[in-house]
């Protein structure tokens, strides 16, 4: 073997060995502009809970305790075996780990988390409900979920001595239930109680939030303790090249809007029209903000009164929060994507929509960048900022 070749190999090996002993270069500091963006994504920037649309008792602790009992009560179903908590499981961040929810039957879409849902002006993937209390009513009568009806639900509350006494202490005397309007009034109050409980379900600070605190304090040592190099690069991609903040912004990492992202239809089904159908449903809903059972004035129903409509809503779905992604797979409105890596690859590829027009453009991230972006997203996992007593069935 030529000496020159041997000499060159020795130099290369020596350089590699020397590099192994060199300290890893410190991450570039965040600019003031970047730090401000990070602060806008932190839970420290989360504002106080907004007023509950149409629910005058939303912040009553006594009503929340009543709603807590109702949330875990399996009697509020046609077969006596399904509760709200059947699909919204506390240990899974109030999701169920399935592509579509399974209760009395199989629901039409994936079970979204209700953690932090009190901040959203629209509920469900298609936004067909405009308040937590109105949304709480829908599963009770859905034939594939609780499979019951409002008359039967009201009868359960009226016939149970403890429930009846609690109801009357909160909403006044139980009426005779002689007509549909009276049943609807009691039914709406049941939804308002469940919503009062759900308003307590809040995300807790994650490793990302602690990292932002370190950035704000200018504590480089603490930043290095909290995030490794890949997580930092993933965060840079999130706020930069990947443009995630176009939709996943704010401290809950959602703009609460509707977007067509070209997700393929569920196997064997026609493409879902999404918000285009949901907006018609919410406008016709007797339990919406402008309805007779809402406690809101017309002036407080601007979201509904000036709701956006148009062909761009075909195939569009509500932007979910990215907090606690690790525990809420599978992803998308019908659980079409099983893993976070698959979801990121979908956005990277940006396939054309099967219905409507996709808003995506290919991200053109390489495999290392996709791994770094995923590494950052996993830092958003955290225990809920909700007392443990609310995360388990109430004592008998």
Protein backbone atom coordinates (compact mmCIF):
# COMPACT_ATOMS: atom_id res chain seq x y z
CA UNK A 1 0.00 0.00 0.00
CA UNK A 2 1.44 3.46 -0.90
CA UNK A 3 2.80 5.47 1.99
CA UNK A 4 0.86 8.53 0.91
CA UNK A 5 -2.43 6.64 1.22
CA UNK A 6 -1.50 5.31 4.67
CA UNK A 7 -0.48 8.78 5.77
CA UNK A 8 -3.76 10.31 4.60
CA UNK A 9 -5.79 7.63 6.42
CA UNK A 10 -3.83 8.31 9.60
CA UNK A 11 -4.59 12.00 9.33
CA UNK A 12 -8.32 11.32 8.85
CA UNK A 13 -8.44 8.97 11.84
CA UNK A 14 -6.57 11.46 13.97
CA UNK A 15 -9.00 14.21 12.99
CA UNK A 16 -11.98 12.01 13.86
CA UNK A 17 -10.47 11.11 17.22
CA UNK A 18 -9.75 14.74 18.00
CA UNK A 19 -13.26 15.81 17.01
CA UNK A 20 -14.72 13.26 19.40
CA UNK A 21 -13.08 15.11 22.30
CA UNK A 22 -14.22 18.54 21.24
CA UNK A 23 -17.20 20.05 23.10
CA UNK A 24 -20.45 20.24 21.13
CA UNK A 25 -20.97 23.74 19.80
CA UNK A 26 -23.55 25.67 21.75
CA UNK A 27 -26.86 26.30 19.99
CA UNK A 28 -27.27 29.65 18.35
CA UNK A 29 -29.10 32.06 20.64
CA UNK A 30 -32.64 33.01 19.73
CA UNK A 31 -33.12 36.50 18.34
CA UNK A 32 -35.48 38.90 20.11
CA UNK A 33 -38.03 38.37 17.34
CA UNK A 34 -37.79 34.59 17.60
CA UNK A 35 -38.03 34.71 21.40
CA UNK A 36 -41.22 36.73 21.09
CA UNK A 37 -42.70 34.06 18.81
CA UNK A 38 -41.76 31.36 21.32
CA UNK A 39 -43.42 33.30 24.13
CA UNK A 40 -46.60 33.52 22.08
CA UNK A 41 -46.65 29.71 21.94
CA UNK A 42 -46.08 29.20 25.66
CA UNK A 43 -48.84 28.42 28.16
CA UNK A 44 -47.66 31.47 30.06
CA UNK A 45 -49.33 33.47 27.28
CA UNK A 46 -52.67 31.70 27.65
CA UNK A 47 -55.36 34.18 28.56
CA UNK A 48 -58.07 33.58 31.15
CA UNK A 49 -60.92 31.34 30.10
CA UNK A 50 -63.26 33.16 27.74
CA UNK A 51 -66.87 33.67 28.71
CA UNK A 52 -68.87 30.51 28.09
CA UNK A 53 -71.17 31.06 25.14
CA UNK A 54 -74.72 30.86 26.40
CA UNK A 55 -73.94 29.11 29.67
CA UNK A 56 -74.62 31.31 32.69
CA UNK A 57 -73.56 28.60 35.16
CA UNK A 58 -70.34 27.60 33.39
CA UNK A 59 -68.05 28.69 36.22
CA UNK A 60 -70.07 27.44 39.16
CA UNK A 61 -68.13 24.83 41.19
CA UNK A 62 -71.39 23.20 42.26
CA UNK A 63 -72.54 22.88 38.65
CA UNK A 64 -69.13 21.46 37.68
CA UNK A 65 -69.48 18.79 40.38
CA UNK A 66 -72.87 17.85 38.96
CA UNK A 67 -71.41 17.75 35.45
CA UNK A 68 -68.56 15.59 36.70
CA UNK A 69 -71.06 12.97 37.85
CA UNK A 70 -72.98 13.13 34.59
CA UNK A 71 -69.77 12.81 32.55
CA UNK A 72 -68.99 9.43 34.12
CA UNK A 73 -72.59 8.15 34.36
CA UNK A 74 -73.25 5.16 32.09
CA UNK A 75 -76.98 5.38 32.63
CA UNK A 76 -77.07 8.24 30.15
CA UNK A 77 -77.09 5.78 27.26
CA UNK A 78 -79.49 3.38 25.60
CA UNK A 79 -77.70 0.26 26.86
CA UNK A 80 -76.56 1.53 30.26
CA UNK A 81 -72.95 0.93 29.31
CA UNK A 82 -71.72 4.17 27.75
CA UNK A 83 -70.59 7.38 29.47
CA UNK A 84 -68.89 10.47 28.08
CA UNK A 85 -65.72 9.04 29.62
CA UNK A 86 -66.02 5.90 27.49
CA UNK A 87 -64.53 7.77 24.55
CA UNK A 88 -63.04 10.77 26.36
CA UNK A 89 -60.75 8.81 28.65
CA UNK A 90 -58.79 10.87 31.20
CA UNK A 91 -55.76 8.58 31.05
CA UNK A 92 -55.55 9.19 27.28
CA UNK A 93 -55.84 12.98 27.53
CA UNK A 94 -59.59 12.55 27.02
CA UNK A 95 -59.28 10.64 23.73
CA UNK A 96 -59.64 6.87 23.14
CA UNK A 97 -56.72 5.73 20.96
CA UNK A 98 -59.05 4.56 18.16
CA UNK A 99 -59.47 5.71 14.57
CA UNK A 100 -63.15 6.32 15.27
CA UNK A 101 -64.92 6.33 18.60
CA UNK A 102 -66.64 3.09 19.59
CA UNK A 103 -69.65 3.23 21.91
CA UNK A 104 -73.12 1.82 21.17
CA UNK A 105 -71.85 1.71 17.60
CA UNK A 106 -68.94 3.26 15.71
CA UNK A 107 -68.99 7.04 15.46
CA UNK A 108 -68.35 8.85 12.20
CA UNK A 109 -65.06 10.46 13.17
CA UNK A 110 -62.05 10.31 15.46
CA UNK A 111 -62.55 11.27 19.11
CA UNK A 112 -60.88 14.66 19.63
CA UNK A 113 -59.42 15.67 22.97
CA UNK A 114 -61.56 18.08 24.99
CA UNK A 115 -58.59 19.37 27.00
CA UNK A 116 -58.58 23.14 26.57
CA UNK A 117 -61.70 22.93 24.40
CA UNK A 118 -63.32 25.76 26.37
CA UNK A 119 -61.11 28.14 24.38
CA UNK A 120 -62.48 27.07 21.02
CA UNK A 121 -65.44 28.88 19.43
CA UNK A 122 -66.25 25.72 17.48
CA UNK A 123 -66.50 22.08 18.55
CA UNK A 124 -66.20 18.83 16.60
CA UNK A 125 -63.95 18.34 13.61
CA UNK A 126 -66.50 20.11 11.40
CA UNK A 127 -67.46 22.81 13.93
CA UNK A 128 -71.12 21.84 13.96
CA UNK A 129 -71.45 23.02 17.56
CA UNK A 130 -70.57 26.48 18.83
CA UNK A 131 -70.30 25.87 22.58
CA UNK A 132 -69.21 23.18 25.01
CA UNK A 133 -72.70 22.88 26.49
CA UNK A 134 -74.31 22.43 23.09
CA UNK A 135 -71.66 19.91 22.07
CA UNK A 136 -72.21 17.89 25.26
CA UNK A 137 -75.79 17.22 24.19
CA UNK A 138 -75.04 15.75 20.78
CA UNK A 139 -73.39 12.42 21.75
CA UNK A 140 -76.29 11.63 24.09
CA UNK A 141 -78.63 11.38 21.11
CA UNK A 142 -76.19 10.09 18.51
CA UNK A 143 -77.29 6.53 17.60
CA UNK A 144 -73.65 5.42 17.41
CA UNK A 145 -72.54 7.02 20.66
CA UNK A 146 -74.89 7.04 23.68
CA UNK A 147 -77.82 6.07 21.47
CA UNK A 148 -80.39 7.64 23.78
CA UNK A 149 -82.74 10.61 23.38
CA UNK A 150 -83.40 13.77 25.34
CA UNK A 151 -86.61 12.51 26.94
CA UNK A 152 -84.83 9.44 28.33
CA UNK A 153 -81.83 11.47 29.51
CA UNK A 154 -84.06 13.95 31.32
CA UNK A 155 -86.02 11.06 32.85
CA UNK A 156 -82.83 9.60 34.36
CA UNK A 157 -82.07 12.88 36.11
CA UNK A 158 -85.68 13.41 37.23
CA UNK A 159 -86.05 9.86 38.60
CA UNK A 160 -82.78 9.76 40.56
CA UNK A 161 -83.44 11.38 43.96
CA UNK A 162 -79.88 12.68 44.39
CA UNK A 163 -79.71 14.00 40.84
CA UNK A 164 -83.11 15.61 41.10
CA UNK A 165 -82.20 17.37 44.33
CA UNK A 166 -78.94 18.60 42.87
CA UNK A 167 -80.63 19.77 39.68
CA UNK A 168 -83.27 21.70 41.61
CA UNK A 169 -80.64 23.35 43.81
CA UNK A 170 -78.87 24.60 40.71
CA UNK A 171 -81.61 25.28 38.15
CA UNK A 172 -84.83 25.50 40.11
CA UNK A 173 -87.73 23.08 40.51
CA UNK A 174 -87.86 20.17 38.09
CA UNK A 175 -90.79 20.93 35.75
CA UNK A 176 -93.57 18.48 34.91
CA UNK A 177 -91.90 17.59 31.58
CA UNK A 178 -95.27 17.71 29.87
CA UNK A 179 -94.09 19.20 26.57
CA UNK A 180 -91.10 19.24 24.24
CA UNK A 181 -89.98 22.74 25.17
CA UNK A 182 -89.81 21.85 28.86
CA UNK A 183 -87.83 18.69 28.10
CA UNK A 184 -85.48 20.69 25.90
CA UNK A 185 -84.93 23.22 28.69
CA UNK A 186 -83.92 20.54 31.20
CA UNK A 187 -81.87 18.79 28.52
CA UNK A 188 -79.96 22.00 27.78
CA UNK A 189 -79.24 22.45 31.50
CA UNK A 190 -77.75 18.96 31.59
CA UNK A 191 -75.42 19.99 28.77
CA UNK A 192 -74.49 23.14 30.65
CA UNK A 193 -73.55 21.11 33.72
CA UNK A 194 -71.34 18.76 31.71
CA UNK A 195 -69.70 21.77 30.06
CA UNK A 196 -68.99 23.36 33.44
CA UNK A 197 -66.99 20.24 34.31
CA UNK A 198 -65.21 20.17 30.94
CA UNK A 199 -64.06 23.79 31.42
CA UNK A 200 -61.81 22.47 34.19
CA UNK A 201 -59.83 20.26 31.79
CA UNK A 202 -56.72 22.27 31.01
CA UNK A 203 -53.28 21.43 29.58
CA UNK A 204 -50.35 21.62 31.94
CA UNK A 205 -46.92 23.17 31.31
CA UNK A 206 -44.64 20.96 29.25
CA UNK A 207 -40.89 20.78 28.81
CA UNK A 208 -41.33 23.20 25.90
CA UNK A 209 -42.96 25.78 28.20
CA UNK A 210 -40.07 25.49 30.64
CA UNK A 211 -37.64 25.90 27.73
CA UNK A 212 -39.38 29.14 26.70
CA UNK A 213 -39.05 30.40 30.27
CA UNK A 214 -35.31 29.73 30.03
CA UNK A 215 -35.14 31.57 26.69
CA UNK A 216 -37.01 34.52 28.18
CA UNK A 217 -34.60 34.58 31.13
CA UNK A 218 -31.58 34.32 28.82
CA UNK A 219 -30.47 31.20 30.72
CA UNK A 220 -28.44 29.29 28.12
CA UNK A 221 -27.38 26.62 30.59
CA UNK A 222 -30.99 25.82 31.50
CA UNK A 223 -31.95 25.73 27.83
CA UNK A 224 -29.25 23.10 27.20
CA UNK A 225 -30.56 21.04 30.12
CA UNK A 226 -34.12 21.07 28.79
CA UNK A 227 -33.67 20.55 25.03
CA UNK A 228 -31.12 18.54 23.11
CA UNK A 229 -29.77 19.64 19.74
CA UNK A 230 -32.43 17.84 17.71
CA UNK A 231 -35.27 19.30 19.75
CA UNK A 232 -33.87 22.80 19.31
CA UNK A 233 -33.54 22.31 15.56
CA UNK A 234 -37.05 20.88 15.46
CA UNK A 235 -38.36 23.99 17.20
CA UNK A 236 -36.49 26.17 14.71
CA UNK A 237 -38.16 24.24 11.90
CA UNK A 238 -41.56 24.60 13.58
CA UNK A 239 -41.39 28.39 13.70
CA UNK A 240 -39.41 28.68 10.47
CA UNK A 241 -38.99 26.49 7.41
CA UNK A 242 -41.90 24.13 8.17
CA UNK A 243 -44.28 27.08 8.71
CA UNK A 244 -46.28 25.16 11.32
CA UNK A 245 -47.33 28.38 13.04
CA UNK A 246 -49.51 29.36 10.10
CA UNK A 247 -52.21 27.15 11.65
CA UNK A 248 -50.76 25.80 14.90
CA UNK A 249 -50.14 29.07 16.70
CA UNK A 250 -50.98 30.56 20.10
CA UNK A 251 -50.42 28.83 23.45
CA UNK A 252 -52.78 25.96 22.54
CA UNK A 253 -51.01 25.58 19.18
CA UNK A 254 -54.20 25.96 17.15
CA UNK A 255 -55.86 28.86 15.38
CA UNK A 256 -59.29 27.26 15.97
CA UNK A 257 -59.95 27.56 12.23
CA UNK A 258 -60.77 25.10 9.44
CA UNK A 259 -58.36 23.94 6.74
CA UNK A 260 -58.31 21.42 3.93
CA UNK A 261 -55.03 19.55 4.25
CA UNK A 262 -55.65 16.85 1.65
CA UNK A 263 -56.08 13.93 4.04
CA UNK A 264 -57.32 10.85 2.20
CA UNK A 265 -60.80 9.51 2.87
CA UNK A 266 -61.34 6.73 5.40
CA UNK A 267 -61.11 3.34 3.61
CA UNK A 268 -64.42 2.46 1.97
CA UNK A 269 -65.96 5.89 2.50
CA UNK A 270 -66.59 8.86 0.23
CA UNK A 271 -64.59 12.00 1.09
CA UNK A 272 -65.94 13.92 4.08
CA UNK A 273 -67.18 17.45 3.28
CA UNK A 274 -66.13 18.63 6.74
CA UNK A 275 -66.79 22.27 7.60
CA UNK A 276 -68.97 22.80 4.52
CA UNK A 277 -71.54 20.49 6.16
CA UNK A 278 -70.79 21.56 9.72
CA UNK A 279 -71.51 25.22 9.14
CA UNK A 280 -75.02 24.41 7.89
CA UNK A 281 -75.64 22.21 10.91
CA UNK A 282 -74.55 24.80 13.47
CA UNK A 283 -76.69 27.50 11.88
CA UNK A 284 -79.77 25.26 12.10
CA UNK A 285 -79.04 24.00 15.64
CA UNK A 286 -81.76 24.94 18.18
CA UNK A 287 -79.07 24.81 20.90
CA UNK A 288 -76.72 27.29 19.24
CA UNK A 289 -75.69 30.66 20.69
CA UNK A 290 -78.69 32.44 19.17
CA UNK A 291 -81.20 29.76 20.18
CA UNK A 292 -83.93 29.91 22.79
CA UNK A 293 -81.94 27.85 25.31
CA UNK A 294 -78.79 29.97 25.17
CA UNK A 295 -78.06 32.42 27.99
CA UNK A 296 -76.11 34.70 25.64
CA UNK A 297 -77.29 37.99 24.21
CA UNK A 298 -77.21 38.43 20.45
CA UNK A 299 -74.27 40.80 20.84
CA UNK A 300 -72.23 37.92 22.29
CA UNK A 301 -72.91 35.60 19.36
CA UNK A 302 -70.80 37.33 16.73
CA UNK A 303 -68.88 34.14 15.87
CA UNK A 304 -72.13 32.49 14.80
CA UNK A 305 -73.81 35.52 13.30
CA UNK A 306 -70.85 36.29 11.04
CA UNK A 307 -69.68 32.72 10.48
CA UNK A 308 -67.56 32.16 7.40
CA UNK A 309 -69.11 30.19 4.56
CA UNK A 310 -67.97 29.38 1.04
CA UNK A 311 -66.61 26.64 -1.23
CA UNK A 312 -63.17 26.81 0.40
CA UNK A 313 -64.70 25.00 3.40
CA UNK A 314 -65.31 21.80 1.44
CA UNK A 315 -63.07 19.14 2.96
CA UNK A 316 -61.82 21.52 5.65
CA UNK A 317 -61.49 20.43 9.29
CA UNK A 318 -60.78 22.17 12.57
CA UNK A 319 -57.12 22.65 13.46
CA UNK A 320 -56.46 20.50 16.56
CA UNK A 321 -54.19 21.51 19.40
CA UNK A 322 -50.73 19.95 19.21
CA UNK A 323 -50.35 19.70 22.96
CA UNK A 324 -50.01 16.13 24.26
CA UNK A 325 -49.59 14.70 20.76
CA UNK A 326 -47.71 11.69 22.11
CA UNK A 327 -50.78 10.36 23.88
CA UNK A 328 -53.50 11.14 21.35
CA UNK A 329 -52.76 9.01 18.27
CA UNK A 330 -54.09 8.16 15.72
CA UNK A 331 -54.29 11.49 13.96
CA UNK A 332 -56.64 13.39 11.63
CA UNK A 333 -60.42 13.56 11.55
CA UNK A 334 -60.89 9.83 11.04
CA UNK A 335 -57.64 8.58 12.48
CA UNK A 336 -56.23 7.99 9.01
CA UNK A 337 -52.62 8.49 10.11
CA UNK A 338 -51.44 6.09 12.80
CA UNK A 339 -48.26 7.81 13.94
CA UNK A 340 -46.82 11.27 14.34
CA UNK A 341 -44.13 10.39 11.80
CA UNK A 342 -46.84 9.50 9.26
CA UNK A 343 -48.63 12.81 9.94
CA UNK A 344 -45.42 14.78 9.37
CA UNK A 345 -44.72 12.86 6.18
CA UNK A 346 -48.22 13.75 4.96
CA UNK A 347 -47.52 17.46 5.42
CA UNK A 348 -44.10 17.05 3.83
CA UNK A 349 -45.59 15.38 0.73
CA UNK A 350 -48.70 17.63 0.54
CA UNK A 351 -50.82 15.32 -1.65
CA UNK A 352 -53.73 16.86 -3.57
CA UNK A 353 -57.13 16.82 -1.88
CA UNK A 354 -59.71 14.19 -2.80
CA UNK A 355 -62.41 16.83 -2.33
CA UNK A 356 -62.15 20.60 -2.36
CA UNK A 357 -58.70 22.18 -2.58
CA UNK A 358 -55.77 21.39 -0.30
CA UNK A 359 -54.05 24.38 1.28
CA UNK A 360 -50.76 22.51 1.63
CA UNK A 361 -47.54 22.95 -0.30
CA UNK A 362 -44.69 20.42 0.03
CA UNK A 363 -42.39 21.26 2.93
CA UNK A 364 -39.36 19.64 1.28
CA UNK A 365 -37.86 18.57 4.61
CA UNK A 366 -35.29 15.82 4.56
CA UNK A 367 -35.55 12.73 6.77
CA UNK A 368 -33.30 14.23 9.47
CA UNK A 369 -35.38 17.40 9.61
CA UNK A 370 -38.60 15.38 9.92
CA UNK A 371 -37.06 13.49 12.84
CA UNK A 372 -36.02 16.76 14.47
CA UNK A 373 -39.49 18.25 14.04
CA UNK A 374 -41.02 15.15 15.61
CA UNK A 375 -38.53 15.34 18.48
CA UNK A 376 -39.67 18.88 19.23
CA UNK A 377 -43.37 18.00 19.04
CA UNK A 378 -42.87 15.27 21.63
CA UNK A 379 -41.70 17.92 24.12
CA UNK A 380 -45.29 19.20 24.23
CA UNK A 381 -46.44 16.25 26.34
CA UNK A 382 -47.32 17.04 29.96
CA UNK A 383 -49.73 16.09 32.75
CA UNK A 384 -52.94 18.06 32.79
CA UNK A 385 -53.23 21.16 34.95
CA UNK A 386 -56.40 19.74 36.46
CA UNK A 387 -56.76 18.40 39.99
CA UNK A 388 -56.69 14.61 40.15
CA UNK A 389 -60.16 14.37 41.66
CA UNK A 390 -61.62 15.59 38.37
CA UNK A 391 -59.75 12.98 36.33
CA UNK A 392 -61.44 9.95 37.85
CA UNK A 393 -65.06 8.95 38.48
CA UNK A 394 -66.61 10.72 41.46
CA UNK A 395 -67.07 8.60 44.59
CA UNK A 396 -70.45 6.95 45.00
